[in-house]
Amino acid sequence: MTAETPIDTVGIIGAGSAGQAFARVAQRASRKVVIANSHGPQSLAAVVDDLGAGVSAGTVGEAAASAMVVIAVPWASVPEAVANQAWEAKIVVDQTNPYIFPEMKLADLGGRSSSEIVAELVEGARVVKAANTLGAGLLGSDPHEAGGRRVLFLSGDDGAAKAVVADLFEGAGFFPIDLGDLATGGPMQQAGGPLAGLNLVRLP
């Protein structure tokens, strides 16, 4: 992977359990966080207070202005959540899983990975699929276990973008594993794939 300057602020679109868990990952890696939802910053006072130092509430536009932006909304909400933002050259971390609520069934993606679809919605961005294989409680907890580090998978078509995301995970204490491009790694990671829900620890 090509070296690239680490980012210091992570924007997170989606303030539910998944978005809050990623915020805790970013905090462990000593990154600042701007977290947003569809209801506006004023609705996030309790969330920001709970997350603590380094986390602020913003609009979706303010979160999307970060060099790294995490998409952490329900699958059906993704198009609206990412609309009307400037994505060119941004690193977009796709934390979504293609579940349809409230039925809890997998969406029909026409044979493509969910991240390939997300990449079309954020045209020009460098999409990295990551942080979607673990439940929010596990993702947001200390990744050091049994003397080792919890594994996080990632995939994407841009090596430099993957390196930046991997650097954040390593800074948070995880052991990142690169699965290749979105077409290869995405289906393995997303809900219904062989790595979904798998909790692995890399021992020394």
N, C-alpha and C. Protein backbone atom coordinates (compact mmCIF):
# COMPACT_ATOMS: atom_id res chain seq x y z
N MET A 1 0.83 -1.20 0.00
CA MET A 1 0.00 0.00 0.00
C MET A 1 0.87 1.26 0.00
N THR A 2 0.42 2.26 -0.71
CA THR A 2 1.15 3.52 -0.77
C THR A 2 0.90 4.33 0.49
N ALA A 3 1.97 4.93 1.04
CA ALA A 3 1.83 5.72 2.25
C ALA A 3 1.04 6.99 1.99
N GLU A 4 0.25 7.40 2.94
CA GLU A 4 -0.55 8.60 2.83
C GLU A 4 -0.67 9.20 4.21
N THR A 5 -0.82 10.53 4.29
CA THR A 5 -0.89 11.21 5.58
C THR A 5 -2.09 10.74 6.39
N PRO A 6 -1.90 10.34 7.64
CA PRO A 6 -3.03 9.92 8.47
C PRO A 6 -4.01 11.08 8.66
N ILE A 7 -5.27 10.76 8.81
CA ILE A 7 -6.27 11.80 9.04
C ILE A 7 -6.40 12.04 10.54
N ASP A 8 -6.82 13.26 10.90
CA ASP A 8 -6.96 13.56 12.33
C ASP A 8 -8.41 13.69 12.77
N THR A 9 -9.34 13.77 11.80
CA THR A 9 -10.76 13.89 12.12
C THR A 9 -11.57 12.93 11.27
N VAL A 10 -12.46 12.21 11.91
CA VAL A 10 -13.34 11.27 11.23
C VAL A 10 -14.76 11.81 11.29
N GLY A 11 -15.41 11.92 10.14
CA GLY A 11 -16.81 12.27 10.10
C GLY A 11 -17.65 11.01 10.06
N ILE A 12 -18.69 10.94 10.86
CA ILE A 12 -19.55 9.76 10.90
C ILE A 12 -20.99 10.17 10.62
N ILE A 13 -21.56 9.62 9.56
CA ILE A 13 -22.95 9.87 9.20
C ILE A 13 -23.76 8.68 9.71
N GLY A 14 -24.53 8.92 10.75
CA GLY A 14 -25.25 7.85 11.42
C GLY A 14 -24.83 7.80 12.87
N ALA A 15 -25.76 8.04 13.78
CA ALA A 15 -25.42 8.13 15.21
C ALA A 15 -26.08 7.04 16.02
N GLY A 16 -26.46 5.95 15.36
CA GLY A 16 -26.99 4.81 16.09
C GLY A 16 -25.87 3.99 16.69
N SER A 17 -26.16 2.74 17.01
CA SER A 17 -25.16 1.92 17.70
C SER A 17 -23.91 1.71 16.86
N ALA A 18 -24.06 1.54 15.55
CA ALA A 18 -22.89 1.32 14.68
C ALA A 18 -22.02 2.56 14.62
N GLY A 19 -22.64 3.72 14.40
CA GLY A 19 -21.87 4.96 14.33
C GLY A 19 -21.18 5.28 15.64
N GLN A 20 -21.86 5.06 16.74
CA GLN A 20 -21.24 5.32 18.05
C GLN A 20 -20.08 4.36 18.31
N ALA A 21 -20.22 3.11 17.86
CA ALA A 21 -19.12 2.15 18.04
C ALA A 21 -17.90 2.59 17.24
N PHE A 22 -18.11 3.07 16.01
CA PHE A 22 -16.96 3.54 15.23
C PHE A 22 -16.35 4.76 15.88
N ALA A 23 -17.17 5.62 16.47
CA ALA A 23 -16.64 6.78 17.18
C ALA A 23 -15.68 6.35 18.29
N ARG A 24 -16.01 5.28 18.98
CA ARG A 24 -15.13 4.78 20.05
C ARG A 24 -13.83 4.22 19.47
N VAL A 25 -13.92 3.59 18.30
CA VAL A 25 -12.70 3.13 17.62
C VAL A 25 -11.81 4.33 17.30
N ALA A 26 -12.41 5.37 16.73
CA ALA A 26 -11.64 6.57 16.38
C ALA A 26 -11.03 7.22 17.62
N GLN A 27 -11.78 7.26 18.71
CA GLN A 27 -11.25 7.81 19.95
C GLN A 27 -10.02 7.04 20.42
N ARG A 28 -10.08 5.71 20.36
CA ARG A 28 -8.94 4.90 20.77
C ARG A 28 -7.71 5.17 19.91
N ALA A 29 -7.94 5.58 18.67
CA ALA A 29 -6.84 5.90 17.77
C ALA A 29 -6.46 7.37 17.85
N SER A 30 -6.99 8.07 18.85
CA SER A 30 -6.67 9.49 19.10
C SER A 30 -7.09 10.39 17.94
N ARG A 31 -8.21 10.05 17.30
CA ARG A 31 -8.78 10.90 16.26
C ARG A 31 -9.96 11.67 16.83
N LYS A 32 -10.18 12.87 16.30
CA LYS A 32 -11.38 13.62 16.62
C LYS A 32 -12.54 13.07 15.78
N VAL A 33 -13.75 13.29 16.25
CA VAL A 33 -14.93 12.77 15.57
C VAL A 33 -15.99 13.85 15.45
N VAL A 34 -16.57 13.97 14.26
CA VAL A 34 -17.78 14.76 14.05
C VAL A 34 -18.88 13.78 13.67
N ILE A 35 -19.88 13.65 14.52
CA ILE A 35 -20.94 12.68 14.29
C ILE A 35 -22.24 13.40 13.95
N ALA A 36 -22.99 12.82 13.01
CA ALA A 36 -24.19 13.50 12.50
C ALA A 36 -25.30 12.49 12.27
N ASN A 37 -26.53 13.01 12.28
CA ASN A 37 -27.67 12.20 11.88
C ASN A 37 -28.66 13.06 11.12
N SER A 38 -29.79 12.49 10.75
CA SER A 38 -30.76 13.22 9.94
C SER A 38 -31.58 14.22 10.74
N HIS A 39 -31.47 14.18 12.06
CA HIS A 39 -32.28 15.05 12.91
C HIS A 39 -31.57 16.32 13.35
N GLY A 40 -30.29 16.45 13.04
CA GLY A 40 -29.56 17.65 13.37
C GLY A 40 -28.74 17.54 14.63
N PRO A 41 -27.71 18.40 14.77
CA PRO A 41 -26.78 18.32 15.91
C PRO A 41 -27.44 18.43 17.27
N GLN A 42 -28.52 19.21 17.34
CA GLN A 42 -29.17 19.41 18.65
C GLN A 42 -29.73 18.12 19.22
N SER A 43 -29.99 17.14 18.36
CA SER A 43 -30.56 15.87 18.82
C SER A 43 -29.50 14.93 19.40
N LEU A 44 -28.23 15.31 19.29
CA LEU A 44 -27.14 14.41 19.64
C LEU A 44 -26.42 14.78 20.94
N ALA A 45 -27.02 15.66 21.71
CA ALA A 45 -26.36 16.12 22.94
C ALA A 45 -26.04 14.95 23.87
N ALA A 46 -26.98 14.06 24.06
CA ALA A 46 -26.76 12.93 24.97
C ALA A 46 -25.72 11.97 24.42
N VAL A 47 -25.73 11.77 23.10
CA VAL A 47 -24.76 10.87 22.46
C VAL A 47 -23.34 11.42 22.62
N VAL A 48 -23.17 12.70 22.36
CA VAL A 48 -21.86 13.33 22.47
C VAL A 48 -21.37 13.31 23.92
N ASP A 49 -22.29 13.56 24.83
CA ASP A 49 -21.92 13.54 26.25
C ASP A 49 -21.47 12.15 26.67
N ASP A 50 -22.14 11.13 26.16
CA ASP A 50 -21.79 9.75 26.51
C ASP A 50 -20.45 9.35 25.90
N LEU A 51 -20.20 9.75 24.67
CA LEU A 51 -18.96 9.38 24.00
C LEU A 51 -17.76 10.11 24.61
N GLY A 52 -17.94 11.36 24.97
CA GLY A 52 -16.89 12.07 25.70
C GLY A 52 -15.92 12.84 24.84
N ALA A 53 -14.72 12.99 25.34
CA ALA A 53 -13.72 13.89 24.77
C ALA A 53 -13.43 13.59 23.31
N GLY A 54 -13.31 14.67 22.53
CA GLY A 54 -12.92 14.55 21.14
C GLY A 54 -14.05 14.33 20.17
N VAL A 55 -15.29 14.20 20.68
CA VAL A 55 -16.45 13.97 19.81
C VAL A 55 -17.36 15.18 19.84
N SER A 56 -17.75 15.65 18.67
CA SER A 56 -18.68 16.77 18.58
C SER A 56 -19.81 16.40 17.61
N ALA A 57 -20.95 17.04 17.79
CA ALA A 57 -22.08 16.84 16.89
C ALA A 57 -22.01 17.85 15.76
N GLY A 58 -22.41 17.43 14.57
CA GLY A 58 -22.42 18.33 13.43
C GLY A 58 -23.57 18.00 12.51
N THR A 59 -23.70 18.78 11.47
CA THR A 59 -24.65 18.46 10.42
C THR A 59 -24.06 17.35 9.55
N VAL A 60 -24.88 16.76 8.70
CA VAL A 60 -24.37 15.75 7.77
C VAL A 60 -23.30 16.37 6.87
N GLY A 61 -23.52 17.61 6.45
CA GLY A 61 -22.54 18.29 5.62
C GLY A 61 -21.21 18.49 6.32
N GLU A 62 -21.26 18.80 7.61
CA GLU A 62 -20.03 18.98 8.38
C GLU A 62 -19.30 17.66 8.56
N ALA A 63 -20.03 16.58 8.81
CA ALA A 63 -19.39 15.27 8.91
C ALA A 63 -18.79 14.86 7.57
N ALA A 64 -19.52 15.13 6.49
CA ALA A 64 -19.05 14.75 5.15
C ALA A 64 -17.88 15.59 4.67
N ALA A 65 -17.59 16.69 5.36
CA ALA A 65 -16.46 17.54 4.98
C ALA A 65 -15.12 16.97 5.46
N SER A 66 -15.16 15.95 6.31
CA SER A 66 -13.93 15.34 6.81
C SER A 66 -13.23 14.57 5.71
N ALA A 67 -11.93 14.36 5.87
CA ALA A 67 -11.17 13.62 4.86
C ALA A 67 -11.54 12.14 4.87
N MET A 68 -11.96 11.62 6.02
CA MET A 68 -12.48 10.26 6.12
C MET A 68 -13.91 10.35 6.65
N VAL A 69 -14.83 9.72 5.93
CA VAL A 69 -16.24 9.77 6.30
C VAL A 69 -16.77 8.34 6.41
N VAL A 70 -17.41 8.03 7.53
CA VAL A 70 -17.97 6.71 7.77
C VAL A 70 -19.47 6.75 7.51
N ILE A 71 -19.96 5.81 6.70
CA ILE A 71 -21.39 5.69 6.46
C ILE A 71 -21.91 4.60 7.39
N ALA A 72 -22.73 4.98 8.36
CA ALA A 72 -23.19 4.05 9.39
C ALA A 72 -24.70 4.19 9.59
N VAL A 73 -25.43 4.15 8.49
CA VAL A 73 -26.90 4.26 8.54
C VAL A 73 -27.51 2.96 8.03
N PRO A 74 -28.79 2.70 8.30
CA PRO A 74 -29.45 1.53 7.74
C PRO A 74 -29.38 1.54 6.22
N TRP A 75 -29.38 0.36 5.62
CA TRP A 75 -29.17 0.23 4.19
C TRP A 75 -30.15 1.09 3.37
N ALA A 76 -31.41 1.08 3.73
CA ALA A 76 -32.40 1.83 2.96
C ALA A 76 -32.19 3.34 3.04
N SER A 77 -31.46 3.78 4.05
CA SER A 77 -31.23 5.22 4.25
C SER A 77 -29.97 5.73 3.58
N VAL A 78 -29.17 4.84 3.01
CA VAL A 78 -27.88 5.26 2.45
C VAL A 78 -28.02 6.30 1.34
N PRO A 79 -28.88 6.10 0.32
CA PRO A 79 -28.95 7.10 -0.76
C PRO A 79 -29.24 8.51 -0.26
N GLU A 80 -30.21 8.64 0.63
CA GLU A 80 -30.55 9.96 1.17
C GLU A 80 -29.42 10.52 2.03
N ALA A 81 -28.76 9.66 2.80
CA ALA A 81 -27.71 10.10 3.72
C ALA A 81 -26.51 10.68 2.99
N VAL A 82 -26.20 10.17 1.80
CA VAL A 82 -24.99 10.60 1.10
C VAL A 82 -25.28 11.58 -0.03
N ALA A 83 -26.54 11.92 -0.25
CA ALA A 83 -26.90 12.80 -1.36
C ALA A 83 -26.40 14.22 -1.14
N ASN A 84 -26.08 14.88 -2.24
CA ASN A 84 -25.75 16.32 -2.26
C ASN A 84 -24.51 16.68 -1.47
N GLN A 85 -23.54 15.76 -1.42
CA GLN A 85 -22.26 16.05 -0.78
C GLN A 85 -21.14 15.93 -1.81
N ALA A 86 -20.02 16.60 -1.55
CA ALA A 86 -18.86 16.53 -2.45
C ALA A 86 -17.96 15.39 -1.99
N TRP A 87 -17.89 14.32 -2.78
CA TRP A 87 -17.17 13.11 -2.36
C TRP A 87 -15.82 12.94 -3.04
N GLU A 88 -15.51 13.74 -4.00
CA GLU A 88 -14.29 13.54 -4.79
C GLU A 88 -13.06 13.40 -3.90
N ALA A 89 -12.35 12.28 -4.06
CA ALA A 89 -11.08 11.97 -3.38
C ALA A 89 -11.22 11.69 -1.88
N LYS A 90 -12.42 11.80 -1.33
CA LYS A 90 -12.61 11.49 0.10
C LYS A 90 -12.46 9.97 0.32
N ILE A 91 -12.01 9.60 1.51
CA ILE A 91 -12.04 8.21 1.92
C ILE A 91 -13.39 7.98 2.59
N VAL A 92 -14.17 7.08 2.03
CA VAL A 92 -15.48 6.75 2.59
C VAL A 92 -15.44 5.32 3.11
N VAL A 93 -15.64 5.17 4.41
CA VAL A 93 -15.69 3.85 5.02
C VAL A 93 -17.14 3.38 5.04
N ASP A 94 -17.39 2.30 4.33
CA ASP A 94 -18.74 1.74 4.27
C ASP A 94 -18.90 0.72 5.39
N GLN A 95 -19.62 1.12 6.43
CA GLN A 95 -19.84 0.27 7.59
C GLN A 95 -21.20 -0.43 7.51
N THR A 96 -21.89 -0.27 6.39
CA THR A 96 -23.26 -0.77 6.30
C THR A 96 -23.33 -2.27 6.05
N ASN A 97 -24.50 -2.83 6.32
CA ASN A 97 -24.86 -4.18 5.91
C ASN A 97 -26.22 -4.10 5.22
N PRO A 98 -26.42 -4.85 4.14
CA PRO A 98 -27.64 -4.67 3.33
C PRO A 98 -28.88 -5.37 3.89
N TYR A 99 -29.22 -5.03 5.12
CA TYR A 99 -30.44 -5.54 5.72
C TYR A 99 -31.60 -4.59 5.43
N ILE A 100 -32.77 -5.16 5.20
CA ILE A 100 -33.99 -4.38 5.06
C ILE A 100 -34.78 -4.53 6.36
N PHE A 101 -35.08 -3.38 6.99
CA PHE A 101 -35.84 -3.38 8.24
C PHE A 101 -37.29 -2.99 7.96
N PRO A 102 -38.26 -3.43 8.74
CA PRO A 102 -38.12 -4.24 9.95
C PRO A 102 -38.11 -5.75 9.68
N GLU A 103 -38.14 -6.12 8.40
CA GLU A 103 -38.23 -7.55 8.08
C GLU A 103 -36.96 -8.31 8.42
N MET A 104 -35.84 -7.59 8.55
CA MET A 104 -34.53 -8.19 8.81
C MET A 104 -34.17 -9.23 7.74
N LYS A 105 -34.39 -8.84 6.49
CA LYS A 105 -34.01 -9.71 5.38
C LYS A 105 -32.93 -9.00 4.57
N LEU A 106 -32.14 -9.78 3.84
CA LEU A 106 -31.09 -9.21 3.02
C LEU A 106 -31.67 -8.62 1.75
N ALA A 107 -31.16 -7.46 1.37
CA ALA A 107 -31.60 -6.81 0.14
C ALA A 107 -31.10 -7.59 -1.08
N ASP A 108 -31.84 -7.54 -2.15
CA ASP A 108 -31.41 -8.14 -3.42
C ASP A 108 -30.48 -7.14 -4.11
N LEU A 109 -29.20 -7.47 -4.18
CA LEU A 109 -28.20 -6.56 -4.73
C LEU A 109 -27.85 -6.89 -6.18
N GLY A 110 -28.56 -7.81 -6.76
CA GLY A 110 -28.32 -8.14 -8.17
C GLY A 110 -26.95 -8.73 -8.43
N GLY A 111 -26.41 -9.44 -7.44
CA GLY A 111 -25.12 -10.09 -7.62
C GLY A 111 -23.92 -9.22 -7.31
N ARG A 112 -24.14 -7.96 -6.96
CA ARG A 112 -23.03 -7.08 -6.61
C ARG A 112 -22.85 -7.01 -5.10
N SER A 113 -21.70 -6.49 -4.67
CA SER A 113 -21.51 -6.26 -3.24
C SER A 113 -22.17 -4.94 -2.87
N SER A 114 -22.54 -4.83 -1.60
CA SER A 114 -23.17 -3.58 -1.14
C SER A 114 -22.23 -2.39 -1.31
N SER A 115 -20.93 -2.62 -1.13
CA SER A 115 -19.98 -1.51 -1.24
C SER A 115 -19.81 -1.03 -2.67
N GLU A 116 -19.98 -1.91 -3.64
CA GLU A 116 -19.95 -1.46 -5.03
C GLU A 116 -21.11 -0.52 -5.31
N ILE A 117 -22.25 -0.80 -4.69
CA ILE A 117 -23.40 0.09 -4.83
C ILE A 117 -23.16 1.41 -4.11
N VAL A 118 -22.61 1.34 -2.90
CA VAL A 118 -22.27 2.57 -2.17
C VAL A 118 -21.29 3.41 -2.97
N ALA A 119 -20.31 2.76 -3.60
CA ALA A 119 -19.31 3.49 -4.39
C ALA A 119 -19.96 4.29 -5.52
N GLU A 120 -21.02 3.76 -6.10
CA GLU A 120 -21.73 4.51 -7.14
C GLU A 120 -22.44 5.72 -6.56
N LEU A 121 -22.93 5.61 -5.34
CA LEU A 121 -23.66 6.71 -4.70
C LEU A 121 -22.74 7.83 -4.24
N VAL A 122 -21.47 7.50 -3.96
CA VAL A 122 -20.50 8.51 -3.53
C VAL A 122 -19.43 8.63 -4.63
N GLU A 123 -19.87 8.90 -5.81
CA GLU A 123 -18.99 8.91 -6.98
C GLU A 123 -17.77 9.79 -6.76
N GLY A 124 -16.60 9.25 -7.06
CA GLY A 124 -15.35 9.98 -6.89
C GLY A 124 -14.65 9.69 -5.58
N ALA A 125 -15.37 9.11 -4.62
CA ALA A 125 -14.77 8.77 -3.32
C ALA A 125 -13.98 7.49 -3.44
N ARG A 126 -13.10 7.29 -2.47
CA ARG A 126 -12.32 6.05 -2.38
C ARG A 126 -12.94 5.22 -1.26
N VAL A 127 -13.72 4.23 -1.65
CA VAL A 127 -14.54 3.48 -0.70
C VAL A 127 -13.75 2.32 -0.12
N VAL A 128 -13.82 2.19 1.20
CA VAL A 128 -13.22 1.07 1.92
C VAL A 128 -14.32 0.41 2.75
N LYS A 129 -14.53 -0.87 2.51
CA LYS A 129 -15.49 -1.62 3.32
C LYS A 129 -14.81 -2.05 4.60
N ALA A 130 -15.39 -1.72 5.75
CA ALA A 130 -14.73 -2.03 7.02
C ALA A 130 -15.69 -1.87 8.18
N ALA A 131 -15.34 -2.51 9.29
CA ALA A 131 -16.01 -2.34 10.59
C ALA A 131 -17.47 -2.78 10.58
N ASN A 132 -17.84 -3.65 9.64
CA ASN A 132 -19.23 -4.09 9.55
C ASN A 132 -19.43 -5.55 9.96
N THR A 133 -18.34 -6.27 10.22
CA THR A 133 -18.49 -7.70 10.51
C THR A 133 -18.73 -7.98 11.99
N LEU A 134 -18.46 -7.02 12.84
CA LEU A 134 -18.65 -7.18 14.28
C LEU A 134 -19.87 -6.41 14.75
N GLY A 135 -20.56 -6.94 15.75
CA GLY A 135 -21.65 -6.19 16.36
C GLY A 135 -21.13 -4.93 17.02
N ALA A 136 -22.01 -3.97 17.20
CA ALA A 136 -21.58 -2.67 17.74
C ALA A 136 -20.94 -2.80 19.11
N GLY A 137 -21.49 -3.64 19.96
CA GLY A 137 -20.92 -3.79 21.30
C GLY A 137 -19.49 -4.28 21.28
N LEU A 138 -19.21 -5.22 20.40
CA LEU A 138 -17.86 -5.76 20.28
C LEU A 138 -16.93 -4.77 19.60
N LEU A 139 -17.41 -4.13 18.54
CA LEU A 139 -16.59 -3.15 17.82
C LEU A 139 -16.17 -2.01 18.73
N GLY A 140 -17.08 -1.56 19.57
CA GLY A 140 -16.79 -0.41 20.42
C GLY A 140 -16.01 -0.73 21.68
N SER A 141 -15.76 -2.01 21.94
CA SER A 141 -15.06 -2.40 23.16
C SER A 141 -13.55 -2.49 22.91
N ASP A 142 -12.81 -2.68 23.99
CA ASP A 142 -11.35 -2.80 23.89
C ASP A 142 -10.99 -4.01 23.02
N PRO A 143 -10.21 -3.80 21.93
CA PRO A 143 -9.89 -4.90 21.02
C PRO A 143 -8.79 -5.83 21.52
N HIS A 144 -8.18 -5.53 22.64
CA HIS A 144 -7.16 -6.41 23.20
C HIS A 144 -7.82 -7.53 23.98
N GLU A 145 -7.56 -8.77 23.57
CA GLU A 145 -8.20 -9.92 24.20
C GLU A 145 -7.25 -11.11 24.18
N ALA A 146 -7.20 -11.84 25.27
CA ALA A 146 -6.40 -13.06 25.39
C ALA A 146 -4.94 -12.84 24.99
N GLY A 147 -4.44 -11.63 25.27
CA GLY A 147 -3.06 -11.32 24.92
C GLY A 147 -2.85 -10.95 23.46
N GLY A 148 -3.93 -10.91 22.69
CA GLY A 148 -3.83 -10.57 21.26
C GLY A 148 -4.69 -9.37 20.90
N ARG A 149 -4.92 -9.21 19.60
CA ARG A 149 -5.69 -8.07 19.10
C ARG A 149 -6.84 -8.58 18.22
N ARG A 150 -8.01 -7.98 18.40
CA ARG A 150 -9.16 -8.38 17.61
C ARG A 150 -8.94 -8.02 16.13
N VAL A 151 -9.36 -8.92 15.26
CA VAL A 151 -9.19 -8.73 13.81
C VAL A 151 -10.32 -7.87 13.24
N LEU A 152 -9.96 -6.95 12.35
CA LEU A 152 -10.93 -6.21 11.55
C LEU A 152 -10.57 -6.36 10.09
N PHE A 153 -11.57 -6.70 9.28
CA PHE A 153 -11.35 -6.88 7.85
C PHE A 153 -11.63 -5.58 7.11
N LEU A 154 -10.93 -5.39 5.99
CA LEU A 154 -11.20 -4.26 5.12
C LEU A 154 -10.94 -4.65 3.67
N SER A 155 -11.63 -3.99 2.78
CA SER A 155 -11.41 -4.19 1.36
C SER A 155 -11.68 -2.88 0.63
N GLY A 156 -11.10 -2.74 -0.55
CA GLY A 156 -11.29 -1.52 -1.32
C GLY A 156 -10.43 -1.54 -2.56
N ASP A 157 -10.72 -0.62 -3.46
CA ASP A 157 -10.02 -0.57 -4.74
C ASP A 157 -8.83 0.39 -4.73
N ASP A 158 -8.67 1.17 -3.67
CA ASP A 158 -7.60 2.16 -3.57
C ASP A 158 -6.67 1.77 -2.43
N GLY A 159 -5.45 1.37 -2.76
CA GLY A 159 -4.51 0.90 -1.75
C GLY A 159 -4.14 1.96 -0.73
N ALA A 160 -3.98 3.20 -1.18
CA ALA A 160 -3.61 4.27 -0.24
C ALA A 160 -4.73 4.54 0.75
N ALA A 161 -5.98 4.50 0.29
CA ALA A 161 -7.11 4.71 1.19
C ALA A 161 -7.19 3.58 2.21
N LYS A 162 -6.97 2.35 1.76
CA LYS A 162 -6.98 1.22 2.70
C LYS A 162 -5.88 1.37 3.74
N ALA A 163 -4.72 1.89 3.35
CA ALA A 163 -3.63 2.07 4.30
C ALA A 163 -3.99 3.07 5.38
N VAL A 164 -4.71 4.13 5.01
CA VAL A 164 -5.13 5.13 5.99
C VAL A 164 -6.13 4.53 6.98
N VAL A 165 -7.08 3.76 6.46
CA VAL A 165 -8.06 3.13 7.33
C VAL A 165 -7.39 2.09 8.23
N ALA A 166 -6.48 1.31 7.66
CA ALA A 166 -5.75 0.32 8.45
C ALA A 166 -4.94 0.99 9.55
N ASP A 167 -4.36 2.16 9.26
CA ASP A 167 -3.60 2.90 10.27
C ASP A 167 -4.48 3.30 11.44
N LEU A 168 -5.71 3.72 11.16
CA LEU A 168 -6.64 4.07 12.22
C LEU A 168 -6.96 2.84 13.07
N PHE A 169 -7.23 1.72 12.43
CA PHE A 169 -7.55 0.51 13.18
C PHE A 169 -6.38 0.06 14.04
N GLU A 170 -5.18 0.12 13.48
CA GLU A 170 -4.00 -0.27 14.24
C GLU A 170 -3.81 0.65 15.44
N GLY A 171 -4.04 1.95 15.23
CA GLY A 171 -3.92 2.89 16.32
C GLY A 171 -4.93 2.64 17.43
N ALA A 172 -6.07 2.04 17.06
CA ALA A 172 -7.10 1.72 18.04
C ALA A 172 -6.85 0.38 18.72
N GLY A 173 -5.85 -0.38 18.24
CA GLY A 173 -5.51 -1.65 18.87
C GLY A 173 -5.96 -2.88 18.12
N PHE A 174 -6.59 -2.70 16.95
CA PHE A 174 -7.05 -3.85 16.16
C PHE A 174 -5.93 -4.40 15.27
N PHE A 175 -6.19 -5.57 14.71
CA PHE A 175 -5.30 -6.19 13.73
C PHE A 175 -6.04 -6.23 12.40
N PRO A 176 -5.77 -5.26 11.49
CA PRO A 176 -6.50 -5.19 10.22
C PRO A 176 -5.99 -6.22 9.21
N ILE A 177 -6.92 -6.80 8.47
CA ILE A 177 -6.58 -7.75 7.40
C ILE A 177 -7.22 -7.26 6.11
N ASP A 178 -6.40 -7.07 5.08
CA ASP A 178 -6.85 -6.59 3.78
C ASP A 178 -7.31 -7.78 2.93
N LEU A 179 -8.56 -7.73 2.50
CA LEU A 179 -9.15 -8.82 1.71
C LEU A 179 -9.10 -8.57 0.20
N GLY A 180 -8.52 -7.43 -0.21
CA GLY A 180 -8.44 -7.16 -1.65
C GLY A 180 -9.42 -6.08 -2.07
N ASP A 181 -9.89 -6.16 -3.31
CA ASP A 181 -10.77 -5.11 -3.84
C ASP A 181 -12.21 -5.30 -3.37
N LEU A 182 -13.07 -4.32 -3.71
CA LEU A 182 -14.45 -4.36 -3.23
C LEU A 182 -15.21 -5.56 -3.79
N ALA A 183 -14.97 -5.89 -5.05
CA ALA A 183 -15.69 -6.99 -5.67
C ALA A 183 -15.32 -8.32 -5.02
N THR A 184 -14.08 -8.43 -4.53
CA THR A 184 -13.62 -9.67 -3.90
C THR A 184 -13.94 -9.70 -2.41
N GLY A 185 -13.51 -8.66 -1.69
CA GLY A 185 -13.66 -8.65 -0.24
C GLY A 185 -15.05 -8.27 0.25
N GLY A 186 -15.72 -7.38 -0.48
CA GLY A 186 -17.02 -6.90 -0.04
C GLY A 186 -18.02 -8.01 0.24
N PRO A 187 -18.23 -8.95 -0.71
CA PRO A 187 -19.19 -10.02 -0.46
C PRO A 187 -18.80 -10.93 0.70
N MET A 188 -17.50 -11.04 0.99
CA MET A 188 -17.07 -11.86 2.11
C MET A 188 -17.40 -11.20 3.44
N GLN A 189 -17.39 -9.87 3.46
CA GLN A 189 -17.58 -9.12 4.70
C GLN A 189 -19.04 -8.83 5.01
N GLN A 190 -19.83 -8.56 3.97
CA GLN A 190 -21.18 -8.07 4.23
C GLN A 190 -22.08 -9.16 4.81
N ALA A 191 -23.20 -8.76 5.38
CA ALA A 191 -24.14 -9.71 5.97
C ALA A 191 -24.48 -10.80 4.96
N GLY A 192 -24.42 -12.04 5.43
CA GLY A 192 -24.63 -13.18 4.56
C GLY A 192 -23.35 -13.78 4.03
N GLY A 193 -22.24 -13.07 4.18
CA GLY A 193 -20.93 -13.55 3.74
C GLY A 193 -20.26 -14.39 4.81
N PRO A 194 -19.18 -15.08 4.45
CA PRO A 194 -18.55 -16.01 5.40
C PRO A 194 -17.85 -15.35 6.59
N LEU A 195 -17.56 -14.05 6.49
CA LEU A 195 -16.86 -13.38 7.59
C LEU A 195 -17.80 -12.57 8.49
N ALA A 196 -19.06 -12.47 8.10
CA ALA A 196 -20.01 -11.68 8.88
C ALA A 196 -20.19 -12.28 10.28
N GLY A 197 -19.99 -11.46 11.29
CA GLY A 197 -20.17 -11.89 12.67
C GLY A 197 -19.03 -12.68 13.25
N LEU A 198 -17.96 -12.84 12.48
CA LEU A 198 -16.84 -13.66 12.95
C LEU A 198 -15.93 -12.82 13.85
N ASN A 199 -15.72 -13.28 15.07
CA ASN A 199 -14.88 -12.59 16.03
C ASN A 199 -13.56 -13.36 16.17
N LEU A 200 -12.50 -12.86 15.54
CA LEU A 200 -11.20 -13.50 15.57
C LEU A 200 -10.21 -12.63 16.32
N VAL A 201 -9.26 -13.27 16.99
CA VAL A 201 -8.21 -12.56 17.71
C VAL A 201 -6.86 -13.02 17.20
N ARG A 202 -6.03 -12.07 16.79
CA ARG A 202 -4.67 -12.36 16.33
C ARG A 202 -3.78 -12.44 17.55
N LEU A 203 -3.27 -13.63 17.84
CA LEU A 203 -2.40 -13.82 18.99
C LEU A 203 -0.95 -13.50 18.63
N PRO A 204 -0.14 -13.13 19.60
CA PRO A 204 1.26 -12.77 19.31
C PRO A 204 2.02 -13.96 18.70
